Amino acid sequence: MREGWWREMERWEEIDEETEMERRKREKKAMDKLEELDMERKKFEEEKNVEKNKERGEEK
């Protein structure tokens, strides 16, 4: 009885480790996507500022 219980505990620990690894992969993927979106946002803002500066230069 004891050995069966021990094996079951070990199996659940393995499942927990696999689940943790999957969670970390998902988190990394999400962080990578956030970084990508942040870089796109910065690029867009930069382009927008360049356009504003051109317009200001033309108005003067």
Protein backbone atom coordinates (compact mmCIF):
# COMPACT_ATOMS: atom_id res chain seq x y z
CA MET A 1 0.00 0.00 0.00
CA ARG A 2 2.75 2.39 0.91
CA GLU A 3 4.66 1.85 -2.33
CA GLY A 4 1.56 2.52 -4.43
CA TRP A 5 0.98 5.76 -2.58
CA TRP A 6 4.63 6.76 -3.04
CA ARG A 7 4.50 6.05 -6.77
CA GLU A 8 1.33 8.09 -7.05
CA MET A 9 3.03 11.02 -5.28
CA GLU A 10 6.03 10.79 -7.61
CA ARG A 11 3.73 10.72 -10.63
CA TRP A 12 1.91 13.85 -9.45
CA GLU A 13 5.22 15.59 -8.81
CA GLU A 14 6.26 14.82 -12.40
CA ILE A 15 2.95 16.17 -13.67
CA ASP A 16 3.42 19.32 -11.55
CA GLU A 17 6.91 19.81 -13.00
CA GLU A 18 5.59 19.39 -16.56
CA THR A 19 2.78 21.84 -15.83
CA GLU A 20 5.27 24.33 -14.39
CA MET A 21 7.46 24.02 -17.49
CA GLU A 22 4.45 24.59 -19.75
CA ARG A 23 3.43 27.63 -17.68
CA ARG A 24 6.93 29.07 -17.99
CA LYS A 25 6.88 28.53 -21.76
CA ARG A 26 3.52 30.33 -22.00
CA GLU A 27 4.80 33.19 -19.84
CA LYS A 28 7.95 33.53 -21.96
CA LYS A 29 5.88 33.53 -25.14
CA ALA A 30 3.59 36.21 -23.68
CA MET A 31 6.56 38.33 -22.57
CA ASP A 32 8.13 38.03 -26.02
CA LYS A 33 4.85 39.15 -27.60
CA LEU A 34 4.62 42.10 -25.20
CA GLU A 35 8.17 43.15 -26.09
CA GLU A 36 7.35 42.88 -29.79
CA LEU A 37 4.22 45.00 -29.37
CA ASP A 38 6.10 47.54 -27.27
CA MET A 39 8.76 47.89 -29.97
CA GLU A 40 6.04 48.37 -32.60
CA ARG A 41 4.41 51.03 -30.42
CA LYS A 42 7.71 52.87 -29.96
CA LYS A 43 8.38 52.74 -33.69
CA PHE A 44 4.90 54.10 -34.40
CA GLU A 45 5.33 56.92 -31.87
CA GLU A 46 8.71 57.76 -33.35
CA GLU A 47 7.22 57.97 -36.86
CA LYS A 48 4.37 60.08 -35.51
CA ASN A 49 6.83 62.49 -33.89
CA VAL A 50 8.80 62.78 -37.12
CA GLU A 51 5.61 63.70 -38.96
CA LYS A 52 4.71 66.29 -36.30
CA ASN A 53 8.18 67.81 -36.53
CA LYS A 54 7.86 68.04 -40.32
CA GLU A 55 4.47 69.75 -39.97
CA ARG A 56 5.84 72.21 -37.42
CA GLY A 57 8.74 72.97 -39.73
CA GLU A 58 6.36 73.65 -42.60
CA GLU A 59 4.11 75.89 -40.47
CA LYS A 60 6.99 78.18 -39.47
